[in-house]
Amino acid sequence: MEGVLSAISLAAVVLAAAAIVFGAHFPQNRAAWLRAWARNHGWHYSEHRSAPLDGAHLPHAIGGRGGRSRHVLTGRRGGHEVTVFEHTHTHPASAPGDRRHRHTYRIVAVRTPGPNAELEIRRRDPFRSTEPGSGLDAVFDETFHTSGSDIAFTRAVLRRRVTDWLLADPRSRSLPVRFSGDHVLTWATTRLDPDRALTAADYLIDLVGRVPPAVWTGRPTSR
């Protein structure tokens, strides 16, 4: 019996040690995996970068300007410049004594042909039906919440060709979008998987292709 207990104790120690070693090396292994992915696809990898999207603002829902960006991949997809990365943000405690919660988001961004005003478009939350719409199309406003800093830019982007496509494309259910700086971006509460990120990038590229080119003509550059 003592021999069995000793074997169990030894196995527990070995497993605990293995867990510690694995936990210590997993970030490095993941960085190596992403670096290899970038090399195989002709992209560039940076483990840390303070401002991956230049002057673009991330959505307030994921921490806005705070947080930390890492595992940044940059490359081209169908002639478009694409940037994908992880953004972690620690949300404050909701009540005294509560623990703060750390969340990780996957950000996917495509550079637009010119600079943008701030414009966010996402599916409506059925429990927040009082959120304002664009005021441009009743059917679109029933499904999407929009918020923007420039009504002229919002009207120029949300032409019928774009709104009809957003209503019809099932990807819009899980991929909110934000125009900011020189990028249009989408986000999700998940870690970075580069192959899945490319699927989100294709959605943004399809969106950019439907926005009239005149939207970016004559706008002051954000760089």
Protein backbone atom coordinates (compact mmCIF):
# COMPACT_ATOMS: atom_id res chain seq x y z
CA MET A 1 0.00 0.00 0.00
CA GLU A 2 2.82 2.35 0.90
CA GLY A 3 4.40 1.66 -2.47
CA VAL A 4 1.17 2.61 -4.25
CA LEU A 5 0.86 5.85 -2.28
CA SER A 6 4.50 6.69 -3.01
CA ALA A 7 3.93 6.11 -6.72
CA ILE A 8 0.82 8.32 -6.67
CA SER A 9 2.69 11.06 -4.83
CA LEU A 10 5.58 10.86 -7.28
CA ALA A 11 3.19 11.04 -10.24
CA ALA A 12 1.50 14.10 -8.75
CA VAL A 13 4.84 15.84 -8.30
CA VAL A 14 5.87 15.02 -11.88
CA LEU A 15 2.56 16.30 -13.28
CA ALA A 16 2.78 19.51 -11.25
CA ALA A 17 6.34 20.11 -12.44
CA ALA A 18 5.30 19.44 -16.03
CA ALA A 19 2.44 21.92 -15.72
CA ILE A 20 4.81 24.59 -14.43
CA VAL A 21 7.29 24.00 -17.25
CA PHE A 22 4.54 23.95 -19.88
CA GLY A 23 3.03 27.15 -18.50
CA ALA A 24 6.40 28.86 -18.53
CA HIS A 25 7.22 27.92 -22.10
CA PHE A 26 3.78 28.09 -23.75
CA PRO A 27 3.96 31.84 -24.57
CA GLN A 28 7.35 31.32 -26.22
CA ASN A 29 6.07 28.30 -28.13
CA ARG A 30 3.05 30.27 -29.32
CA ALA A 31 5.23 33.14 -30.44
CA ALA A 32 7.41 30.67 -32.35
CA TRP A 33 4.32 29.14 -33.98
CA LEU A 34 3.00 32.55 -35.08
CA ARG A 35 6.45 33.56 -36.31
CA ALA A 36 6.61 30.38 -38.40
CA TRP A 37 3.11 31.05 -39.76
CA ALA A 38 4.19 34.55 -40.80
CA ARG A 39 7.32 33.23 -42.49
CA ASN A 40 5.35 30.57 -44.40
CA HIS A 41 2.80 33.14 -45.61
CA GLY A 42 5.20 35.96 -46.41
CA TRP A 43 3.97 38.09 -43.50
CA HIS A 44 5.78 39.90 -40.69
CA TYR A 45 5.46 39.05 -36.99
CA SER A 46 6.10 41.24 -33.94
CA GLU A 47 5.58 39.85 -30.46
CA HIS A 48 4.92 43.32 -29.04
CA ARG A 49 3.89 46.62 -30.62
CA SER A 50 2.43 49.61 -28.81
CA ALA A 51 0.27 51.02 -31.64
CA PRO A 52 -0.31 48.46 -34.42
CA LEU A 53 -2.91 50.62 -36.21
CA ASP A 54 -1.24 54.01 -36.14
CA GLY A 55 -3.92 56.60 -35.27
CA ALA A 56 -6.95 54.29 -35.34
CA HIS A 57 -9.04 54.04 -32.16
CA LEU A 58 -10.17 50.66 -30.89
CA PRO A 59 -13.82 50.30 -29.81
CA HIS A 60 -14.72 51.48 -26.32
CA ALA A 61 -16.31 48.07 -25.69
CA ILE A 62 -12.90 46.39 -25.62
CA GLY A 63 -11.07 48.99 -23.62
CA GLY A 64 -10.61 51.82 -26.11
CA ARG A 65 -7.12 53.25 -25.95
CA GLY A 66 -6.01 51.23 -22.93
CA GLY A 67 -4.75 47.69 -22.84
CA ARG A 68 -1.85 45.90 -24.44
CA SER A 69 -1.32 44.74 -28.02
CA ARG A 70 0.85 41.74 -28.87
CA HIS A 71 1.32 38.95 -31.43
CA VAL A 72 1.04 41.40 -34.33
CA LEU A 73 0.91 39.96 -37.84
CA THR A 74 1.06 42.21 -40.91
CA GLY A 75 0.84 41.26 -44.55
CA ARG A 76 -1.18 41.54 -47.74
CA ARG A 77 -4.36 39.78 -48.74
CA GLY A 78 -5.78 40.27 -52.21
CA GLY A 79 -3.77 43.46 -52.65
CA HIS A 80 -4.92 44.89 -49.30
CA GLU A 81 -2.69 45.63 -46.32
CA VAL A 82 -3.91 43.59 -43.33
CA THR A 83 -2.96 43.74 -39.65
CA VAL A 84 -4.11 41.21 -37.04
CA PHE A 85 -3.19 41.03 -33.36
CA GLU A 86 -4.30 40.27 -29.82
CA HIS A 87 -5.43 43.05 -27.51
CA THR A 88 -5.73 42.39 -23.79
CA HIS A 89 -7.50 44.72 -21.42
CA THR A 90 -8.19 44.48 -17.71
CA HIS A 91 -11.69 45.68 -16.93
CA PRO A 92 -12.20 47.32 -13.52
CA ALA A 93 -14.11 45.55 -10.78
CA SER A 94 -17.87 46.10 -10.95
CA ALA A 95 -18.18 46.43 -7.18
CA PRO A 96 -15.87 46.99 -4.20
CA GLY A 97 -14.10 43.78 -3.32
CA ASP A 98 -14.64 42.19 -6.73
CA ARG A 99 -11.70 40.99 -8.78
CA ARG A 100 -10.75 42.72 -12.00
CA HIS A 101 -11.29 40.71 -15.17
CA ARG A 102 -8.76 40.42 -17.96
CA HIS A 103 -10.15 39.89 -21.46
CA THR A 104 -8.38 39.02 -24.70
CA TYR A 105 -9.66 40.20 -28.07
CA ARG A 106 -8.66 39.38 -31.62
CA ILE A 107 -8.37 42.49 -33.76
CA VAL A 108 -8.38 42.28 -37.56
CA ALA A 109 -7.85 45.45 -39.60
CA VAL A 110 -7.62 46.35 -43.29
CA ARG A 111 -6.10 49.61 -44.47
CA THR A 112 -8.62 51.70 -46.38
CA PRO A 113 -7.85 53.65 -49.59
CA GLY A 114 -7.95 56.88 -47.57
CA PRO A 115 -8.59 58.27 -44.08
CA ASN A 116 -11.88 57.77 -42.26
CA ALA A 117 -14.04 59.52 -39.73
CA GLU A 118 -15.03 57.46 -36.69
CA LEU A 119 -17.89 55.10 -37.57
CA GLU A 120 -18.96 51.93 -35.79
CA ILE A 121 -21.52 49.46 -37.15
CA ARG A 122 -22.71 46.41 -35.23
CA ARG A 123 -25.74 44.19 -34.87
CA ARG A 124 -28.27 45.45 -32.39
CA ASP A 125 -28.42 44.00 -28.90
CA PRO A 126 -32.07 42.96 -28.44
CA PHE A 127 -31.81 43.98 -24.77
CA ARG A 128 -30.68 47.50 -25.70
CA SER A 129 -33.35 48.43 -28.23
CA THR A 130 -33.10 52.13 -27.38
CA GLU A 131 -29.72 52.47 -29.09
CA PRO A 132 -29.92 54.99 -31.94
CA GLY A 133 -29.64 54.02 -35.59
CA SER A 134 -28.28 55.81 -38.60
CA GLY A 135 -31.58 57.47 -39.43
CA LEU A 136 -30.96 56.62 -43.09
CA ASP A 137 -32.93 53.39 -43.58
CA ALA A 138 -35.65 51.97 -41.33
CA VAL A 139 -35.00 48.31 -42.16
CA PHE A 140 -31.26 48.71 -41.65
CA ASP A 141 -31.79 50.56 -38.36
CA GLU A 142 -33.95 47.72 -37.02
CA THR A 143 -30.99 45.38 -37.34
CA PHE A 144 -27.88 47.54 -36.83
CA HIS A 145 -26.72 50.11 -34.34
CA THR A 146 -24.43 52.79 -35.77
CA SER A 147 -22.47 55.59 -34.16
CA GLY A 148 -20.23 58.05 -35.95
CA SER A 149 -18.40 61.33 -35.54
CA ASP A 150 -19.23 62.74 -38.99
CA ILE A 151 -22.74 62.48 -40.44
CA ALA A 152 -21.49 63.18 -43.96
CA PHE A 153 -19.03 60.29 -43.73
CA THR A 154 -21.70 58.01 -42.25
CA ARG A 155 -24.13 58.84 -45.07
CA ALA A 156 -21.43 58.33 -47.70
CA VAL A 157 -20.50 54.89 -46.36
CA LEU A 158 -24.02 53.63 -45.69
CA ARG A 159 -25.27 53.74 -49.24
CA ARG A 160 -27.86 51.19 -50.33
CA ARG A 161 -25.19 48.92 -51.81
CA VAL A 162 -23.51 48.65 -48.41
CA THR A 163 -26.61 48.43 -46.20
CA ASP A 164 -28.24 45.74 -48.37
CA TRP A 165 -25.03 43.72 -48.30
CA LEU A 166 -24.68 44.03 -44.51
CA LEU A 167 -28.27 42.88 -44.06
CA ALA A 168 -27.77 39.87 -46.34
CA ASP A 169 -24.28 38.71 -45.36
CA PRO A 170 -24.39 36.27 -42.39
CA ARG A 171 -20.88 37.28 -41.32
CA SER A 172 -22.28 40.59 -40.06
CA ARG A 173 -23.92 38.69 -37.18
CA SER A 174 -20.57 38.02 -35.51
CA LEU A 175 -18.27 40.67 -37.02
CA PRO A 176 -18.91 44.26 -35.94
CA VAL A 177 -16.91 46.88 -37.83
CA ARG A 178 -15.33 50.21 -37.04
CA PHE A 179 -13.86 52.78 -39.44
CA SER A 180 -11.10 54.75 -37.73
CA GLY A 181 -7.88 56.43 -38.82
CA ASP A 182 -6.70 54.71 -41.99
CA HIS A 183 -8.31 51.36 -41.20
CA VAL A 184 -11.55 49.46 -40.98
CA LEU A 185 -11.42 46.82 -38.27
CA THR A 186 -13.40 44.07 -36.58
CA TRP A 187 -12.99 42.37 -33.22
CA ALA A 188 -14.00 39.25 -31.32
CA THR A 189 -13.52 37.92 -27.79
CA THR A 190 -11.00 35.21 -28.62
CA ARG A 191 -7.26 34.62 -28.96
CA LEU A 192 -5.52 35.06 -32.27
CA ASP A 193 -5.79 32.22 -34.78
CA PRO A 194 -4.26 33.62 -38.00
CA ASP A 195 -6.22 31.40 -40.37
CA ARG A 196 -9.55 32.40 -38.82
CA ALA A 197 -8.37 36.00 -38.77
CA LEU A 198 -7.96 35.85 -42.55
CA THR A 199 -11.64 34.92 -42.86
CA ALA A 200 -12.51 38.10 -40.95
CA ALA A 201 -10.08 40.06 -43.14
CA ASP A 202 -11.91 38.83 -46.25
CA TYR A 203 -15.15 40.21 -44.81
CA LEU A 204 -13.56 43.63 -44.30
CA ILE A 205 -12.07 43.55 -47.80
CA ASP A 206 -15.51 42.79 -49.23
CA LEU A 207 -16.91 45.74 -47.28
CA VAL A 208 -14.21 48.14 -48.49
CA GLY A 209 -14.91 47.04 -52.07
CA ARG A 210 -18.54 48.12 -51.72
CA VAL A 211 -17.86 51.56 -50.26
CA PRO A 212 -17.82 54.24 -52.99
CA PRO A 213 -14.21 55.36 -53.64
CA ALA A 214 -15.36 58.98 -53.41
CA VAL A 215 -15.81 58.47 -49.64
CA TRP A 216 -12.07 58.87 -49.16
CA THR A 217 -11.44 61.53 -51.80
CA GLY A 218 -10.49 64.89 -50.34
CA ARG A 219 -10.54 63.79 -46.70
CA PRO A 220 -7.59 65.08 -44.66
CA THR A 221 -5.06 62.36 -43.97
CA SER A 222 -4.86 60.99 -40.44
CA ARG A 223 -1.12 60.34 -40.74
